[in-house]
């Protein structure tokens, strides 16, 4: 009986594989379009994982990756014992959470406002203007911030002085660094991040809005009871994905905005990795710190996904 069951399983598996290949062959054009993205993913995402073992070795160029001696968790323990470990960790976590809280709901509200605009011409103009800052590089953005927020010649401080206020050194104060970092990021990405919500809102049935209007619902009530429940799966999915990147702040912007006056809050894990890896040449140490950061992100992603599935029955996996 066991042999018969095993043979049946093999036949069923073969039939499934054949059906899968037949289905793929029928839509081979779509898979051909997908092929470059799959090759990029394999080469630059999965292929690069081979180098992660540097974090567990005392790496040197002369010996190579496999020839370098295995040291286990040596560099992880060194980072955990770093005198400023908790400063780096807390700075990264606070800045990331602040960015998530401020930057996640605003594109949703922006998409709702654009969707309910009556003037199509105004809607297109607002969309174009809001998308444009996304294509500004971090270097150019920080340069703009330094010009606009300059203590003496910046337009913001000039306006403050004309209103009778004292000029503010935005780029040199620790208590203002996070606000400048986060809200400039919100301004830069609000249009781009709203695209997926606008697309989701476009799929809301007009009949639902018509029925709500017939029942006397106001525009805010239509947003609350029609639009938001419809795009809730999209919101939940993006929230989970964004939570999985909480600790993955890019070093470019923070590094460019960093100076000796605000380094107490601007020194985050990514800037620390850049300094010890590229500047000091401690490749094993920097890889270990980066891997530790990625593990924290993975734990957060899995945790938030489980919580989301329990509360909303929506999740990534």
C-alpha atoms as a PDB file:
ATOM      1  CA  UNK A   1       0.000   0.000   0.000  1.00  0.00           C
ATOM      2  CA  UNK A   2       2.835   2.372   0.827  1.00  0.00           C
ATOM      3  CA  UNK A   3       4.469   1.677  -2.537  1.00  0.00           C
ATOM      4  CA  UNK A   4       1.188   2.357  -4.343  1.00  0.00           C
ATOM      5  CA  UNK A   5       0.726   5.619  -2.419  1.00  0.00           C
ATOM      6  CA  UNK A   6       4.302   6.669  -3.235  1.00  0.00           C
ATOM      7  CA  UNK A   7       3.766   5.945  -6.950  1.00  0.00           C
ATOM      8  CA  UNK A   8       0.551   7.967  -6.929  1.00  0.00           C
ATOM      9  CA  UNK A   9       2.314  10.897  -5.273  1.00  0.00           C
ATOM     10  CA  UNK A  10       5.045  10.799  -7.920  1.00  0.00           C
ATOM     11  CA  UNK A  11       2.462  10.768 -10.712  1.00  0.00           C
ATOM     12  CA  UNK A  12       0.552  13.642  -9.104  1.00  0.00           C
ATOM     13  CA  UNK A  13       3.768  15.645  -8.733  1.00  0.00           C
ATOM     14  CA  UNK A  14       4.721  14.997 -12.365  1.00  0.00           C
ATOM     15  CA  UNK A  15       1.283  16.051 -13.550  1.00  0.00           C
ATOM     16  CA  UNK A  16       1.478  19.263 -11.520  1.00  0.00           C
ATOM     17  CA  UNK A  17       4.905  20.083 -12.951  1.00  0.00           C
ATOM     18  CA  UNK A  18       3.659  19.426 -16.476  1.00  0.00           C
ATOM     19  CA  UNK A  19       0.619  21.658 -15.949  1.00  0.00           C
ATOM     20  CA  UNK A  20       2.874  24.361 -14.519  1.00  0.00           C
ATOM     21  CA  UNK A  21       5.198  24.253 -17.536  1.00  0.00           C
ATOM     22  CA  UNK A  22       2.235  24.280 -19.929  1.00  0.00           C
ATOM     23  CA  UNK A  23       0.794  27.337 -18.195  1.00  0.00           C
ATOM     24  CA  UNK A  24       4.189  29.084 -18.274  1.00  0.00           C
ATOM     25  CA  UNK A  25       4.610  28.289 -21.961  1.00  0.00           C
ATOM     26  CA  UNK A  26       1.196  29.804 -22.774  1.00  0.00           C
ATOM     27  CA  UNK A  27       2.259  33.095 -21.193  1.00  0.00           C
ATOM     28  CA  UNK A  28       5.939  32.821 -22.140  1.00  0.00           C
ATOM     29  CA  UNK A  29       5.967  36.439 -23.340  1.00  0.00           C
ATOM     30  CA  UNK A  30       5.211  37.698 -19.835  1.00  0.00           C
ATOM     31  CA  UNK A  31       7.913  35.513 -18.304  1.00  0.00           C
ATOM     32  CA  UNK A  32      10.361  36.795 -20.905  1.00  0.00           C
ATOM     33  CA  UNK A  33       9.623  40.344 -19.760  1.00  0.00           C
ATOM     34  CA  UNK A  34      10.115  39.217 -16.158  1.00  0.00           C
ATOM     35  CA  UNK A  35      13.454  37.529 -16.897  1.00  0.00           C
ATOM     36  CA  UNK A  36      15.726  40.634 -16.592  1.00  0.00           C
ATOM     37  CA  UNK A  37      14.245  41.466 -13.174  1.00  0.00           C
ATOM     38  CA  UNK A  38      14.726  37.851 -12.016  1.00  0.00           C
ATOM     39  CA  UNK A  39      18.346  37.847 -13.208  1.00  0.00           C
ATOM     40  CA  UNK A  40      19.000  41.132 -11.379  1.00  0.00           C
ATOM     41  CA  UNK A  41      17.386  39.733  -8.218  1.00  0.00           C
ATOM     42  CA  UNK A  42      19.445  36.527  -8.292  1.00  0.00           C
ATOM     43  CA  UNK A  43      22.769  38.224  -9.086  1.00  0.00           C
ATOM     44  CA  UNK A  44      22.600  41.301  -6.872  1.00  0.00           C
ATOM     45  CA  UNK A  45      20.383  40.089  -3.990  1.00  0.00           C
ATOM     46  CA  UNK A  46      20.900  36.353  -3.571  1.00  0.00           C
ATOM     47  CA  UNK A  47      24.355  36.190  -5.143  1.00  0.00           C
ATOM     48  CA  UNK A  48      25.709  38.849  -2.813  1.00  0.00           C
ATOM     49  CA  UNK A  49      24.666  36.761   0.206  1.00  0.00           C
ATOM     50  CA  UNK A  50      27.829  34.725  -0.360  1.00  0.00           C
ATOM     51  CA  UNK A  51      29.807  37.633   1.075  1.00  0.00           C
ATOM     52  CA  UNK A  52      27.824  37.668   4.329  1.00  0.00           C
ATOM     53  CA  UNK A  53      30.230  35.094   5.752  1.00  0.00           C
ATOM     54  CA  UNK A  54      32.791  37.910   6.015  1.00  0.00           C
ATOM     55  CA  UNK A  55      30.966  38.871   9.219  1.00  0.00           C
ATOM     56  CA  UNK A  56      32.115  35.559  10.755  1.00  0.00           C
ATOM     57  CA  UNK A  57      35.703  35.667   9.433  1.00  0.00           C
ATOM     58  CA  UNK A  58      38.779  37.807  10.024  1.00  0.00           C
ATOM     59  CA  UNK A  59      38.728  38.915   6.398  1.00  0.00           C
ATOM     60  CA  UNK A  60      41.761  40.080   4.446  1.00  0.00           C
ATOM     61  CA  UNK A  61      42.188  40.783   0.721  1.00  0.00           C
ATOM     62  CA  UNK A  62      45.258  38.583   0.475  1.00  0.00           C
ATOM     63  CA  UNK A  63      43.595  35.455   1.870  1.00  0.00           C
ATOM     64  CA  UNK A  64      40.167  36.002   0.312  1.00  0.00           C
ATOM     65  CA  UNK A  65      36.798  35.107   1.806  1.00  0.00           C
ATOM     66  CA  UNK A  66      37.211  31.347   2.165  1.00  0.00           C
ATOM     67  CA  UNK A  67      40.881  31.608   3.130  1.00  0.00           C
ATOM     68  CA  UNK A  68      40.295  34.057   5.966  1.00  0.00           C
ATOM     69  CA  UNK A  69      40.158  32.448   9.452  1.00  0.00           C
ATOM     70  CA  UNK A  70      36.770  31.767  11.017  1.00  0.00           C
ATOM     71  CA  UNK A  71      36.157  33.843  14.155  1.00  0.00           C
ATOM     72  CA  UNK A  72      32.454  33.185  14.787  1.00  0.00           C
ATOM     73  CA  UNK A  73      30.599  35.913  16.663  1.00  0.00           C
ATOM     74  CA  UNK A  74      33.729  37.912  17.519  1.00  0.00           C
ATOM     75  CA  UNK A  75      32.681  41.068  15.654  1.00  0.00           C
ATOM     76  CA  UNK A  76      29.064  40.856  16.791  1.00  0.00           C
ATOM     77  CA  UNK A  77      30.240  40.765  20.415  1.00  0.00           C
ATOM     78  CA  UNK A  78      32.607  43.644  19.696  1.00  0.00           C
ATOM     79  CA  UNK A  79      29.709  45.735  18.400  1.00  0.00           C
ATOM     80  CA  UNK A  80      27.452  44.809  21.324  1.00  0.00           C
ATOM     81  CA  UNK A  81      30.270  45.830  23.663  1.00  0.00           C
ATOM     82  CA  UNK A  82      30.879  49.095  21.809  1.00  0.00           C
ATOM     83  CA  UNK A  83      30.780  52.063  24.188  1.00  0.00           C
ATOM     84  CA  UNK A  84      28.210  53.853  22.012  1.00  0.00           C
ATOM     85  CA  UNK A  85      26.171  50.780  20.998  1.00  0.00           C
ATOM     86  CA  UNK A  86      22.960  51.907  22.706  1.00  0.00           C
ATOM     87  CA  UNK A  87      23.401  55.435  21.347  1.00  0.00           C
ATOM     88  CA  UNK A  88      23.662  54.120  17.781  1.00  0.00           C
ATOM     89  CA  UNK A  89      20.765  51.716  18.275  1.00  0.00           C
ATOM     90  CA  UNK A  90      18.463  54.282  19.909  1.00  0.00           C
ATOM     91  CA  UNK A  91      19.323  57.007  17.377  1.00  0.00           C
ATOM     92  CA  UNK A  92      18.504  54.638  14.511  1.00  0.00           C
ATOM     93  CA  UNK A  93      15.305  53.340  16.110  1.00  0.00           C
ATOM     94  CA  UNK A  94      13.957  56.773  17.110  1.00  0.00           C
ATOM     95  CA  UNK A  95      14.679  58.318  13.713  1.00  0.00           C
ATOM     96  CA  UNK A  96      13.196  55.318  11.867  1.00  0.00           C
ATOM     97  CA  UNK A  97      10.012  55.171  13.962  1.00  0.00           C
ATOM     98  CA  UNK A  98       9.575  58.935  13.699  1.00  0.00           C
ATOM     99  CA  UNK A  99       9.956  58.696   9.928  1.00  0.00           C
ATOM    100  CA  UNK A 100       7.433  55.842   9.757  1.00  0.00           C
ATOM    101  CA  UNK A 101       4.843  57.609  11.938  1.00  0.00           C
ATOM    102  CA  UNK A 102       5.162  60.897  10.042  1.00  0.00           C
ATOM    103  CA  UNK A 103       5.730  59.555   6.546  1.00  0.00           C
ATOM    104  CA  UNK A 104       3.290  56.650   6.301  1.00  0.00           C
ATOM    105  CA  UNK A 105      -0.180  58.227   6.793  1.00  0.00           C
ATOM    106  CA  UNK A 106       0.483  61.492   4.916  1.00  0.00           C
ATOM    107  CA  UNK A 107       0.656  59.892   1.412  1.00  0.00           C
ATOM    108  CA  UNK A 108      -2.657  58.159   2.172  1.00  0.00           C
ATOM    109  CA  UNK A 109      -4.308  61.468   3.069  1.00  0.00           C
ATOM    110  CA  UNK A 110      -2.715  63.107   0.035  1.00  0.00           C
ATOM    111  CA  UNK A 111      -4.051  60.366  -2.263  1.00  0.00           C
ATOM    112  CA  UNK A 112      -7.550  60.755  -0.787  1.00  0.00           C
ATOM    113  CA  UNK A 113      -7.459  64.520  -1.353  1.00  0.00           C
ATOM    114  CA  UNK A 114      -6.312  64.102  -4.955  1.00  0.00           C
ATOM    115  CA  UNK A 115      -8.953  61.456  -5.645  1.00  0.00           C
ATOM    116  CA  UNK A 116     -11.750  63.733  -4.464  1.00  0.00           C
ATOM    117  CA  UNK A 117     -10.557  66.807  -6.373  1.00  0.00           C
ATOM    118  CA  UNK A 118     -13.144  67.834  -8.935  1.00  0.00           C
ATOM    119  CA  UNK A 119     -10.787  69.712 -11.264  1.00  0.00           C
ATOM    120  CA  UNK A 120      -8.805  67.200 -13.318  1.00  0.00           C
ATOM    121  CA  UNK A 121      -6.423  69.906 -14.513  1.00  0.00           C
ATOM    122  CA  UNK A 122      -5.589  70.933 -10.952  1.00  0.00           C
ATOM    123  CA  UNK A 123      -5.210  67.290 -10.009  1.00  0.00           C
ATOM    124  CA  UNK A 124      -2.606  66.704 -12.740  1.00  0.00           C
ATOM    125  CA  UNK A 125      -0.670  69.838 -11.803  1.00  0.00           C
ATOM    126  CA  UNK A 126      -0.578  68.880  -8.113  1.00  0.00           C
ATOM    127  CA  UNK A 127       0.509  65.333  -8.949  1.00  0.00           C
ATOM    128  CA  UNK A 128       3.332  66.527 -11.203  1.00  0.00           C
ATOM    129  CA  UNK A 129       4.576  69.055  -8.654  1.00  0.00           C
ATOM    130  CA  UNK A 130       4.461  66.509  -5.818  1.00  0.00           C
ATOM    131  CA  UNK A 131       6.321  63.830  -7.842  1.00  0.00           C
ATOM    132  CA  UNK A 132       9.215  66.107  -8.853  1.00  0.00           C
ATOM    133  CA  UNK A 133      11.144  66.217  -5.526  1.00  0.00           C
ATOM    134  CA  UNK A 134      11.437  62.419  -5.472  1.00  0.00           C
ATOM    135  CA  UNK A 135      13.957  62.557  -8.325  1.00  0.00           C
ATOM    136  CA  UNK A 136      16.281  64.898  -6.423  1.00  0.00           C
ATOM    137  CA  UNK A 137      19.367  63.089  -5.150  1.00  0.00           C
ATOM    138  CA  UNK A 138      20.312  63.102  -1.475  1.00  0.00           C
ATOM    139  CA  UNK A 139      23.311  65.323  -2.195  1.00  0.00           C
ATOM    140  CA  UNK A 140      21.199  67.958  -3.934  1.00  0.00           C
ATOM    141  CA  UNK A 141      18.483  67.761  -1.269  1.00  0.00           C
ATOM    142  CA  UNK A 142      20.934  68.334   1.586  1.00  0.00           C
ATOM    143  CA  UNK A 143      22.530  71.194  -0.351  1.00  0.00           C
ATOM    144  CA  UNK A 144      19.071  72.775  -0.736  1.00  0.00           C
ATOM    145  CA  UNK A 145      18.416  72.356   2.985  1.00  0.00           C
ATOM    146  CA  UNK A 146      21.711  74.012   3.835  1.00  0.00           C
ATOM    147  CA  UNK A 147      20.888  76.967   1.573  1.00  0.00           C
ATOM    148  CA  UNK A 148      17.261  77.386   2.671  1.00  0.00           C
ATOM    149  CA  UNK A 149      17.973  76.844   6.389  1.00  0.00           C
ATOM    150  CA  UNK A 150      21.250  78.768   6.554  1.00  0.00           C
ATOM    151  CA  UNK A 151      21.624  80.704   9.786  1.00  0.00           C
ATOM    152  CA  UNK A 152      22.217  84.107   8.141  1.00  0.00           C
ATOM    153  CA  UNK A 153      21.337  83.911   4.432  1.00  0.00           C
ATOM    154  CA  UNK A 154      18.631  81.220   4.462  1.00  0.00           C
ATOM    155  CA  UNK A 155      15.159  82.321   3.421  1.00  0.00           C
ATOM    156  CA  UNK A 156      13.581  80.736   6.515  1.00  0.00           C
ATOM    157  CA  UNK A 157      15.763  82.699   8.928  1.00  0.00           C
ATOM    158  CA  UNK A 158      15.322  85.882   6.899  1.00  0.00           C
ATOM    159  CA  UNK A 159      11.542  85.543   7.312  1.00  0.00           C
ATOM    160  CA  UNK A 160      11.965  84.806  11.036  1.00  0.00           C
ATOM    161  CA  UNK A 161      14.076  87.927  11.494  1.00  0.00           C
ATOM    162  CA  UNK A 162      11.505  90.074   9.696  1.00  0.00           C
ATOM    163  CA  UNK A 163       8.882  88.711  12.076  1.00  0.00           C
ATOM    164  CA  UNK A 164      11.024  89.796  15.001  1.00  0.00           C
ATOM    165  CA  UNK A 165      12.345  86.324  15.901  1.00  0.00           C
ATOM    166  CA  UNK A 166      15.901  85.198  16.505  1.00  0.00           C
ATOM    167  CA  UNK A 167      17.574  83.181  13.697  1.00  0.00           C
ATOM    168  CA  UNK A 168      17.704  79.415  14.242  1.00  0.00           C
ATOM    169  CA  UNK A 169      20.669  77.216  13.404  1.00  0.00           C
ATOM    170  CA  UNK A 170      18.631  74.296  12.036  1.00  0.00           C
ATOM    171  CA  UNK A 171      21.576  72.205  10.843  1.00  0.00           C
ATOM    172  CA  UNK A 172      23.594  72.635  14.033  1.00  0.00           C
ATOM    173  CA  UNK A 173      21.073  71.799  16.733  1.00  0.00           C
ATOM    174  CA  UNK A 174      20.585  68.245  17.961  1.00  0.00           C
ATOM    175  CA  UNK A 175      16.967  68.866  18.969  1.00  0.00           C
ATOM    176  CA  UNK A 176      16.081  69.938  15.401  1.00  0.00           C
ATOM    177  CA  UNK A 177      18.067  67.365  13.402  1.00  0.00           C
ATOM    178  CA  UNK A 178      15.378  64.662  13.445  1.00  0.00           C
ATOM    179  CA  UNK A 179      12.623  67.112  12.504  1.00  0.00           C
ATOM    180  CA  UNK A 180      14.596  68.465   9.536  1.00  0.00           C
ATOM    181  CA  UNK A 181      15.534  64.945   8.425  1.00  0.00           C
ATOM    182  CA  UNK A 182      12.037  63.466   8.643  1.00  0.00           C
ATOM    183  CA  UNK A 183       9.938  66.314   7.274  1.00  0.00           C
ATOM    184  CA  UNK A 184      12.263  66.961   4.369  1.00  0.00           C
ATOM    185  CA  UNK A 185      11.921  63.245   3.568  1.00  0.00           C
ATOM    186  CA  UNK A 186       8.117  63.513   3.781  1.00  0.00           C
ATOM    187  CA  UNK A 187       8.177  66.498   1.398  1.00  0.00           C
ATOM    188  CA  UNK A 188      10.425  64.643  -1.031  1.00  0.00           C
ATOM    189  CA  UNK A 189       8.479  61.366  -1.155  1.00  0.00           C
ATOM    190  CA  UNK A 190       4.843  62.302  -0.537  1.00  0.00           C
ATOM    191  CA  UNK A 191       3.930  62.336  -4.227  1.00  0.00           C
ATOM    192  CA  UNK A 192       5.770  59.157  -5.140  1.00  0.00           C
ATOM    193  CA  UNK A 193       4.491  57.175  -2.162  1.00  0.00           C
ATOM    194  CA  UNK A 194       0.910  58.215  -2.913  1.00  0.00           C
ATOM    195  CA  UNK A 195       0.928  56.597  -6.387  1.00  0.00           C
ATOM    196  CA  UNK A 196      -0.017  53.126  -5.175  1.00  0.00           C
ATOM    197  CA  UNK A 197      -2.830  54.504  -3.023  1.00  0.00           C
ATOM    198  CA  UNK A 198      -4.186  56.537  -5.937  1.00  0.00           C
ATOM    199  CA  UNK A 199      -4.156  53.358  -8.027  1.00  0.00           C
ATOM    200  CA  UNK A 200      -5.961  51.449  -5.259  1.00  0.00           C
ATOM    201  CA  UNK A 201      -8.574  54.219  -4.902  1.00  0.00           C
ATOM    202  CA  UNK A 202      -9.167  54.107  -8.649  1.00  0.00           C
ATOM    203  CA  UNK A 203     -10.481  50.576  -8.146  1.00  0.00           C
ATOM    204  CA  UNK A 204     -13.194  51.673  -5.707  1.00  0.00           C
ATOM    205  CA  UNK A 205     -16.594  51.048  -7.270  1.00  0.00           C
ATOM    206  CA  UNK A 206     -18.423  54.288  -8.180  1.00  0.00           C
ATOM    207  CA  UNK A 207     -21.677  52.536  -7.230  1.00  0.00           C
ATOM    208  CA  UNK A 208     -20.565  52.496  -3.583  1.00  0.00           C
ATOM    209  CA  UNK A 209     -20.070  56.255  -3.631  1.00  0.00           C
ATOM    210  CA  UNK A 210     -23.398  56.761  -5.397  1.00  0.00           C
ATOM    211  CA  UNK A 211     -25.177  54.665  -2.791  1.00  0.00           C
ATOM    212  CA  UNK A 212     -23.459  56.587   0.004  1.00  0.00           C
ATOM    213  CA  UNK A 213     -24.480  59.914  -1.539  1.00  0.00           C
ATOM    214  CA  UNK A 214     -28.075  58.697  -1.834  1.00  0.00           C
ATOM    215  CA  UNK A 215     -27.978  57.852   1.883  1.00  0.00           C
ATOM    216  CA  UNK A 216     -26.839  61.403   2.659  1.00  0.00           C
ATOM    217  CA  UNK A 217     -23.209  60.627   3.460  1.00  0.00           C
ATOM    218  CA  UNK A 218     -20.810  63.544   3.515  1.00  0.00           C
ATOM    219  CA  UNK A 219     -17.442  63.448   1.755  1.00  0.00           C
ATOM    220  CA  UNK A 220     -15.639  62.618   5.000  1.00  0.00           C
ATOM    221  CA  UNK A 221     -18.085  59.807   5.710  1.00  0.00           C
ATOM    222  CA  UNK A 222     -17.530  58.415   2.212  1.00  0.00           C
ATOM    223  CA  UNK A 223     -13.789  58.454   2.815  1.00  0.00           C
ATOM    224  CA  UNK A 224     -14.208  56.720   6.169  1.00  0.00           C
ATOM    225  CA  UNK A 225     -16.772  54.078   5.219  1.00  0.00           C
ATOM    226  CA  UNK A 226     -16.051  53.516   1.494  1.00  0.00           C
ATOM    227  CA  UNK A 227     -12.516  54.473   0.508  1.00  0.00           C
ATOM    228  CA  UNK A 228     -10.519  53.416   3.564  1.00  0.00           C
ATOM    229  CA  UNK A 229     -12.114  49.946   4.003  1.00  0.00           C
ATOM    230  CA  UNK A 230     -11.570  49.256   0.302  1.00  0.00           C
ATOM    231  CA  UNK A 231      -7.860  50.092   0.323  1.00  0.00           C
ATOM    232  CA  UNK A 232      -7.209  48.600   3.779  1.00  0.00           C
ATOM    233  CA  UNK A 233      -5.365  45.511   2.411  1.00  0.00           C
ATOM    234  CA  UNK A 234      -3.036  47.819   0.468  1.00  0.00           C
ATOM    235  CA  UNK A 235      -2.423  49.965   3.549  1.00  0.00           C
ATOM    236  CA  UNK A 236      -1.708  46.935   5.733  1.00  0.00           C
ATOM    237  CA  UNK A 237       0.674  45.388   3.192  1.00  0.00           C
ATOM    238  CA  UNK A 238       2.666  48.593   2.777  1.00  0.00           C
ATOM    239  CA  UNK A 239       2.752  49.144   6.534  1.00  0.00           C
ATOM    240  CA  UNK A 240       4.255  45.687   7.025  1.00  0.00           C
ATOM    241  CA  UNK A 241       6.835  46.308   4.289  1.00  0.00           C
ATOM    242  CA  UNK A 242       7.750  49.701   5.712  1.00  0.00           C
ATOM    243  CA  UNK A 243       8.082  48.229   9.195  1.00  0.00           C
ATOM    244  CA  UNK A 244      10.505  45.677   7.791  1.00  0.00           C
ATOM    245  CA  UNK A 245      12.750  48.564   6.737  1.00  0.00           C
ATOM    246  CA  UNK A 246      12.550  50.446  10.034  1.00  0.00           C
ATOM    247  CA  UNK A 247      16.256  50.013  10.831  1.00  0.00           C
ATOM    248  CA  UNK A 248      17.412  50.413   7.218  1.00  0.00           C
ATOM    249  CA  UNK A 249      17.964  54.147   7.066  1.00  0.00           C
ATOM    250  CA  UNK A 250      20.256  55.069   4.200  1.00  0.00           C
ATOM    251  CA  UNK A 251      23.542  56.600   5.300  1.00  0.00           C
ATOM    252  CA  UNK A 252      23.762  59.230   2.522  1.00  0.00           C
ATOM    253  CA  UNK A 253      21.348  61.823   3.854  1.00  0.00           C
ATOM    254  CA  UNK A 254      22.236  61.361   7.521  1.00  0.00           C
ATOM    255  CA  UNK A 255      25.955  61.427   6.696  1.00  0.00           C
ATOM    256  CA  UNK A 256      25.651  64.592   4.611  1.00  0.00           C
ATOM    257  CA  UNK A 257      23.565  66.354   7.272  1.00  0.00           C
ATOM    258  CA  UNK A 258      25.923  65.263  10.033  1.00  0.00           C
ATOM    259  CA  UNK A 259      28.366  67.646  11.685  1.00  0.00           C
ATOM    260  CA  UNK A 260      30.182  67.948  14.997  1.00  0.00           C
ATOM    261  CA  UNK A 261      27.280  69.826  16.587  1.00  0.00           C
ATOM    262  CA  UNK A 262      24.508  67.290  15.852  1.00  0.00           C
ATOM    263  CA  UNK A 263      26.524  64.054  15.847  1.00  0.00           C
ATOM    264  CA  UNK A 264      24.944  63.047  19.156  1.00  0.00           C
ATOM    265  CA  UNK A 265      21.674  62.239  17.350  1.00  0.00           C
ATOM    266  CA  UNK A 266      22.790  61.988  13.711  1.00  0.00           C
ATOM    267  CA  UNK A 267      25.204  59.080  14.250  1.00  0.00           C
ATOM    268  CA  UNK A 268      23.155  56.019  13.254  1.00  0.00           C
ATOM    269  CA  UNK A 269      24.069  52.426  12.444  1.00  0.00           C
ATOM    270  CA  UNK A 270      24.350  52.989   8.680  1.00  0.00           C
ATOM    271  CA  UNK A 271      26.746  55.932   9.057  1.00  0.00           C
ATOM    272  CA  UNK A 272      28.750  53.914  11.595  1.00  0.00           C
ATOM    273  CA  UNK A 273      28.984  51.003   9.130  1.00  0.00           C
ATOM    274  CA  UNK A 274      30.163  53.348   6.372  1.00  0.00           C
ATOM    275  CA  UNK A 275      32.850  54.897   8.562  1.00  0.00           C
ATOM    276  CA  UNK A 276      34.312  51.664   9.923  1.00  0.00           C
ATOM    277  CA  UNK A 277      33.969  49.838   6.596  1.00  0.00           C
ATOM    278  CA  UNK A 278      34.986  52.357   3.936  1.00  0.00           C
ATOM    279  CA  UNK A 279      37.075  54.764   6.003  1.00  0.00           C
ATOM    280  CA  UNK A 280      38.760  52.441   8.495  1.00  0.00           C
ATOM    281  CA  UNK A 281      38.818  49.322   6.309  1.00  0.00           C
ATOM    282  CA  UNK A 282      37.319  47.045   8.989  1.00  0.00           C
ATOM    283  CA  UNK A 283      35.250  45.013   6.530  1.00  0.00           C
ATOM    284  CA  UNK A 284      34.410  42.096   8.803  1.00  0.00           C
ATOM    285  CA  UNK A 285      33.301  44.417  11.583  1.00  0.00           C
ATOM    286  CA  UNK A 286      31.131  46.553   9.269  1.00  0.00           C
ATOM    287  CA  UNK A 287      29.565  43.448   7.684  1.00  0.00           C
ATOM    288  CA  UNK A 288      28.697  42.068  11.116  1.00  0.00           C
ATOM    289  CA  UNK A 289      27.028  45.350  12.119  1.00  0.00           C
ATOM    290  CA  UNK A 290      25.083  45.469   8.850  1.00  0.00           C
ATOM    291  CA  UNK A 291      23.974  41.847   9.256  1.00  0.00           C
ATOM    292  CA  UNK A 292      22.846  42.549  12.825  1.00  0.00           C
ATOM    293  CA  UNK A 293      20.774  45.451  11.486  1.00  0.00           C
ATOM    294  CA  UNK A 294      19.172  43.211   8.847  1.00  0.00           C
ATOM    295  CA  UNK A 295      18.302  40.557  11.445  1.00  0.00           C
ATOM    296  CA  UNK A 296      16.498  43.188  13.543  1.00  0.00           C
ATOM    297  CA  UNK A 297      14.515  44.194  10.442  1.00  0.00           C
ATOM    298  CA  UNK A 298      13.592  40.558   9.755  1.00  0.00           C
ATOM    299  CA  UNK A 299      12.373  40.085  13.329  1.00  0.00           C
ATOM    300  CA  UNK A 300      10.267  43.257  13.100  1.00  0.00           C
ATOM    301  CA  UNK A 301       8.813  42.171   9.744  1.00  0.00           C
ATOM    302  CA  UNK A 302       7.759  38.736  11.015  1.00  0.00           C
ATOM    303  CA  UNK A 303       6.337  40.180  14.248  1.00  0.00           C
ATOM    304  CA  UNK A 304       4.276  42.882  12.549  1.00  0.00           C
ATOM    305  CA  UNK A 305       3.049  40.392   9.943  1.00  0.00           C
ATOM    306  CA  UNK A 306       1.785  38.021  12.664  1.00  0.00           C
ATOM    307  CA  UNK A 307       0.087  40.853  14.543  1.00  0.00           C
ATOM    308  CA  UNK A 308      -1.538  42.052  11.320  1.00  0.00           C
ATOM    309  CA  UNK A 309      -2.887  38.589  10.480  1.00  0.00           C
ATOM    310  CA  UNK A 310      -4.444  38.290  13.936  1.00  0.00           C
ATOM    311  CA  UNK A 311      -6.016  41.742  13.896  1.00  0.00           C
ATOM    312  CA  UNK A 312      -6.999  42.243  10.238  1.00  0.00           C
ATOM    313  CA  UNK A 313      -6.629  38.785   8.591  1.00  0.00           C
ATOM    314  CA  UNK A 314      -4.230  40.450   6.125  1.00  0.00           C
ATOM    315  CA  UNK A 315      -0.539  39.727   5.822  1.00  0.00           C
ATOM    316  CA  UNK A 316       2.365  39.088   3.476  1.00  0.00           C
ATOM    317  CA  UNK A 317       2.730  35.390   4.311  1.00  0.00           C
END
